[in-house]
Amino acid sequence: MDKILLSNLGFYGYHGVLKEEAVLGQKFFIDMELYLDTKEAGKTDDMNKSVSYADVYEVAKDITENRRFNLIEALAENIADEVLNKFPLIKGVMVRVKKPEAPVPGIYDYFGVEIRRDRDE
């Protein structure tokens, strides 16, 4: 299966269990892999045979910036679900949510979650 890659998309959101996270917000970075057959798009140079990564970006942005979840698992699940619902050519999606400013004392790059969801056919 071919992939369209979206890497390190940065958004500001209000996700987290702690009250301060809902009030102050923080940065989230999202990676996505869209699994689909891109052969026809490559042969014909026809955008209708593929999926616009700009449109998928807008879905991730809208959910991350305009909805609120306690868990990053729920954020990832909602992004995956919306992408599969809005883009019928996509057969599966991987969503990785990275939370670099989690309220955990210590030195780290980020805490995160990665899910893979496939279209039920």
C-alpha atoms as a PDB file:
ATOM      1  CA  MET A   1       0.000   0.000   0.000  1.00  0.00           C
ATOM      2  CA  ASP A   2       1.256   3.462  -0.872  1.00  0.00           C
ATOM      3  CA  LYS A   3       1.456   6.258   1.698  1.00  0.00           C
ATOM      4  CA  ILE A   4       0.972   9.997   1.831  1.00  0.00           C
ATOM      5  CA  LEU A   5       2.995  11.407   4.728  1.00  0.00           C
ATOM      6  CA  LEU A   6       2.203  14.380   6.950  1.00  0.00           C
ATOM      7  CA  SER A   7       5.014  15.041   9.390  1.00  0.00           C
ATOM      8  CA  ASN A   8       5.233  17.101  12.575  1.00  0.00           C
ATOM      9  CA  LEU A   9       2.083  19.183  12.123  1.00  0.00           C
ATOM     10  CA  GLY A  10       2.064  21.721  14.955  1.00  0.00           C
ATOM     11  CA  PHE A  11      -1.114  22.927  16.662  1.00  0.00           C
ATOM     12  CA  TYR A  12      -2.118  24.576  19.917  1.00  0.00           C
ATOM     13  CA  GLY A  13      -4.822  22.738  21.840  1.00  0.00           C
ATOM     14  CA  TYR A  14      -6.411  22.254  25.248  1.00  0.00           C
ATOM     15  CA  HIS A  15      -6.201  18.498  25.781  1.00  0.00           C
ATOM     16  CA  GLY A  16      -5.308  16.886  29.069  1.00  0.00           C
ATOM     17  CA  VAL A  17      -6.675  15.578  32.327  1.00  0.00           C
ATOM     18  CA  LEU A  18      -5.423  18.436  34.495  1.00  0.00           C
ATOM     19  CA  LYS A  19      -7.491  21.601  34.875  1.00  0.00           C
ATOM     20  CA  GLU A  20      -4.488  23.777  33.971  1.00  0.00           C
ATOM     21  CA  GLU A  21      -4.177  22.019  30.616  1.00  0.00           C
ATOM     22  CA  ALA A  22      -7.755  22.955  29.756  1.00  0.00           C
ATOM     23  CA  VAL A  23      -7.142  26.584  30.704  1.00  0.00           C
ATOM     24  CA  LEU A  24      -3.597  27.242  29.502  1.00  0.00           C
ATOM     25  CA  GLY A  25      -3.365  24.853  26.570  1.00  0.00           C
ATOM     26  CA  GLN A  26      -0.147  23.618  24.978  1.00  0.00           C
ATOM     27  CA  LYS A  27       1.515  22.553  21.747  1.00  0.00           C
ATOM     28  CA  PHE A  28       0.753  19.253  20.064  1.00  0.00           C
ATOM     29  CA  PHE A  29       2.579  17.748  17.098  1.00  0.00           C
ATOM     30  CA  ILE A  30       0.920  15.214  14.835  1.00  0.00           C
ATOM     31  CA  ASP A  31       2.344  12.782  12.292  1.00  0.00           C
ATOM     32  CA  MET A  32       0.074  10.952   9.887  1.00  0.00           C
ATOM     33  CA  GLU A  33       0.416   8.255   7.267  1.00  0.00           C
ATOM     34  CA  LEU A  34      -2.440   7.876   4.802  1.00  0.00           C
ATOM     35  CA  TYR A  35      -2.588   4.426   3.207  1.00  0.00           C
ATOM     36  CA  LEU A  36      -4.059   4.354  -0.291  1.00  0.00           C
ATOM     37  CA  ASP A  37      -3.304   3.307  -3.842  1.00  0.00           C
ATOM     38  CA  THR A  38      -1.614   6.238  -5.591  1.00  0.00           C
ATOM     39  CA  LYS A  39      -0.744   4.415  -8.824  1.00  0.00           C
ATOM     40  CA  GLU A  40      -3.501   6.003 -10.945  1.00  0.00           C
ATOM     41  CA  ALA A  41      -2.722   9.457  -9.574  1.00  0.00           C
ATOM     42  CA  GLY A  42       0.924   8.953 -10.466  1.00  0.00           C
ATOM     43  CA  LYS A  43       0.159   7.703 -13.968  1.00  0.00           C
ATOM     44  CA  THR A  44      -2.477  10.299 -14.832  1.00  0.00           C
ATOM     45  CA  ASP A  45      -1.262  13.283 -12.787  1.00  0.00           C
ATOM     46  CA  ASP A  46      -4.927  13.695 -11.771  1.00  0.00           C
ATOM     47  CA  MET A  47      -5.624  15.054  -8.276  1.00  0.00           C
ATOM     48  CA  ASN A  48      -9.044  13.352  -8.310  1.00  0.00           C
ATOM     49  CA  LYS A  49      -7.235  10.001  -8.138  1.00  0.00           C
ATOM     50  CA  SER A  50      -5.547  10.902  -4.843  1.00  0.00           C
ATOM     51  CA  VAL A  51      -6.189  12.769  -1.584  1.00  0.00           C
ATOM     52  CA  SER A  52      -5.140  16.348  -0.874  1.00  0.00           C
ATOM     53  CA  TYR A  53      -2.786  16.415   2.083  1.00  0.00           C
ATOM     54  CA  ALA A  54      -3.844  20.061   2.570  1.00  0.00           C
ATOM     55  CA  ASP A  55      -7.438  18.911   3.146  1.00  0.00           C
ATOM     56  CA  VAL A  56      -6.306  16.235   5.611  1.00  0.00           C
ATOM     57  CA  TYR A  57      -4.172  18.855   7.391  1.00  0.00           C
ATOM     58  CA  GLU A  58      -7.288  21.012   7.858  1.00  0.00           C
ATOM     59  CA  VAL A  59      -9.150  18.080   9.449  1.00  0.00           C
ATOM     60  CA  ALA A  60      -6.328  17.492  11.956  1.00  0.00           C
ATOM     61  CA  LYS A  61      -6.060  21.232  12.651  1.00  0.00           C
ATOM     62  CA  ASP A  62      -9.794  21.662  13.230  1.00  0.00           C
ATOM     63  CA  ILE A  63     -10.055  18.724  15.631  1.00  0.00           C
ATOM     64  CA  THR A  64      -6.878  19.569  17.550  1.00  0.00           C
ATOM     65  CA  GLU A  65      -7.592  23.286  17.894  1.00  0.00           C
ATOM     66  CA  ASN A  66     -11.384  23.340  18.253  1.00  0.00           C
ATOM     67  CA  ARG A  67     -12.277  20.250  20.280  1.00  0.00           C
ATOM     68  CA  ARG A  68     -11.182  19.212  23.751  1.00  0.00           C
ATOM     69  CA  PHE A  69     -10.228  15.760  25.019  1.00  0.00           C
ATOM     70  CA  ASN A  70      -8.829  14.543  28.310  1.00  0.00           C
ATOM     71  CA  LEU A  71      -6.719  11.900  26.573  1.00  0.00           C
ATOM     72  CA  ILE A  72      -4.431  12.136  23.565  1.00  0.00           C
ATOM     73  CA  GLU A  73      -5.760   8.674  22.699  1.00  0.00           C
ATOM     74  CA  ALA A  74      -9.169  10.297  22.128  1.00  0.00           C
ATOM     75  CA  LEU A  75      -7.608  13.076  20.041  1.00  0.00           C
ATOM     76  CA  ALA A  76      -5.875  10.512  17.818  1.00  0.00           C
ATOM     77  CA  GLU A  77      -9.018   8.379  17.530  1.00  0.00           C
ATOM     78  CA  ASN A  78     -11.167  11.333  16.478  1.00  0.00           C
ATOM     79  CA  ILE A  79      -8.659  12.443  13.844  1.00  0.00           C
ATOM     80  CA  ALA A  80      -8.417   8.923  12.412  1.00  0.00           C
ATOM     81  CA  ASP A  81     -12.192   8.508  12.365  1.00  0.00           C
ATOM     82  CA  GLU A  82     -12.811  11.843  10.635  1.00  0.00           C
ATOM     83  CA  VAL A  83     -10.120  11.215   8.011  1.00  0.00           C
ATOM     84  CA  LEU A  84     -11.552   7.808   7.131  1.00  0.00           C
ATOM     85  CA  ASN A  85     -15.078   9.258   6.978  1.00  0.00           C
ATOM     86  CA  LYS A  86     -14.196  12.261   4.800  1.00  0.00           C
ATOM     87  CA  PHE A  87     -11.779  10.636   2.343  1.00  0.00           C
ATOM     88  CA  PRO A  88     -13.095   7.393   0.817  1.00  0.00           C
ATOM     89  CA  LEU A  89      -9.879   6.691  -1.137  1.00  0.00           C
ATOM     90  CA  ILE A  90      -7.946   6.277   2.116  1.00  0.00           C
ATOM     91  CA  LYS A  91      -7.884   2.607   3.150  1.00  0.00           C
ATOM     92  CA  GLY A  92      -6.096   3.152   6.461  1.00  0.00           C
ATOM     93  CA  VAL A  93      -4.489   5.852   8.550  1.00  0.00           C
ATOM     94  CA  MET A  94      -1.782   6.084  11.185  1.00  0.00           C
ATOM     95  CA  VAL A  95      -2.027   8.994  13.611  1.00  0.00           C
ATOM     96  CA  ARG A  96       0.763   9.831  16.064  1.00  0.00           C
ATOM     97  CA  VAL A  97       0.069  12.561  18.630  1.00  0.00           C
ATOM     98  CA  LYS A  98       3.085  14.033  20.429  1.00  0.00           C
ATOM     99  CA  LYS A  99       2.743  16.143  23.568  1.00  0.00           C
ATOM    100  CA  PRO A 100       6.104  17.828  24.242  1.00  0.00           C
ATOM    101  CA  GLU A 101       4.954  19.992  27.164  1.00  0.00           C
ATOM    102  CA  ALA A 102       3.147  17.365  29.233  1.00  0.00           C
ATOM    103  CA  PRO A 103       2.982  18.275  32.934  1.00  0.00           C
ATOM    104  CA  VAL A 104       5.533  15.651  33.934  1.00  0.00           C
ATOM    105  CA  PRO A 105       8.674  16.741  35.759  1.00  0.00           C
ATOM    106  CA  GLY A 106      11.751  15.532  33.938  1.00  0.00           C
ATOM    107  CA  ILE A 107      13.687  15.762  30.718  1.00  0.00           C
ATOM    108  CA  TYR A 108      12.086  14.282  27.592  1.00  0.00           C
ATOM    109  CA  ASP A 109      11.235  15.073  23.975  1.00  0.00           C
ATOM    110  CA  TYR A 110       7.539  14.247  24.240  1.00  0.00           C
ATOM    111  CA  PHE A 111       4.933  11.799  25.418  1.00  0.00           C
ATOM    112  CA  GLY A 112       2.678  10.410  22.734  1.00  0.00           C
ATOM    113  CA  VAL A 113       0.378   7.836  21.311  1.00  0.00           C
ATOM    114  CA  GLU A 114       0.264   6.163  17.897  1.00  0.00           C
ATOM    115  CA  ILE A 115      -2.754   4.397  16.437  1.00  0.00           C
ATOM    116  CA  ARG A 116      -3.498   2.677  13.143  1.00  0.00           C
ATOM    117  CA  ARG A 117      -7.049   2.384  11.883  1.00  0.00           C
ATOM    118  CA  ASP A 118      -8.191   0.670   8.708  1.00  0.00           C
ATOM    119  CA  ARG A 119     -11.410   1.140   6.809  1.00  0.00           C
ATOM    120  CA  ASP A 120     -14.002  -1.546   7.545  1.00  0.00           C
ATOM    121  CA  GLU A 121     -14.914  -3.057   4.200  1.00  0.00           C
END
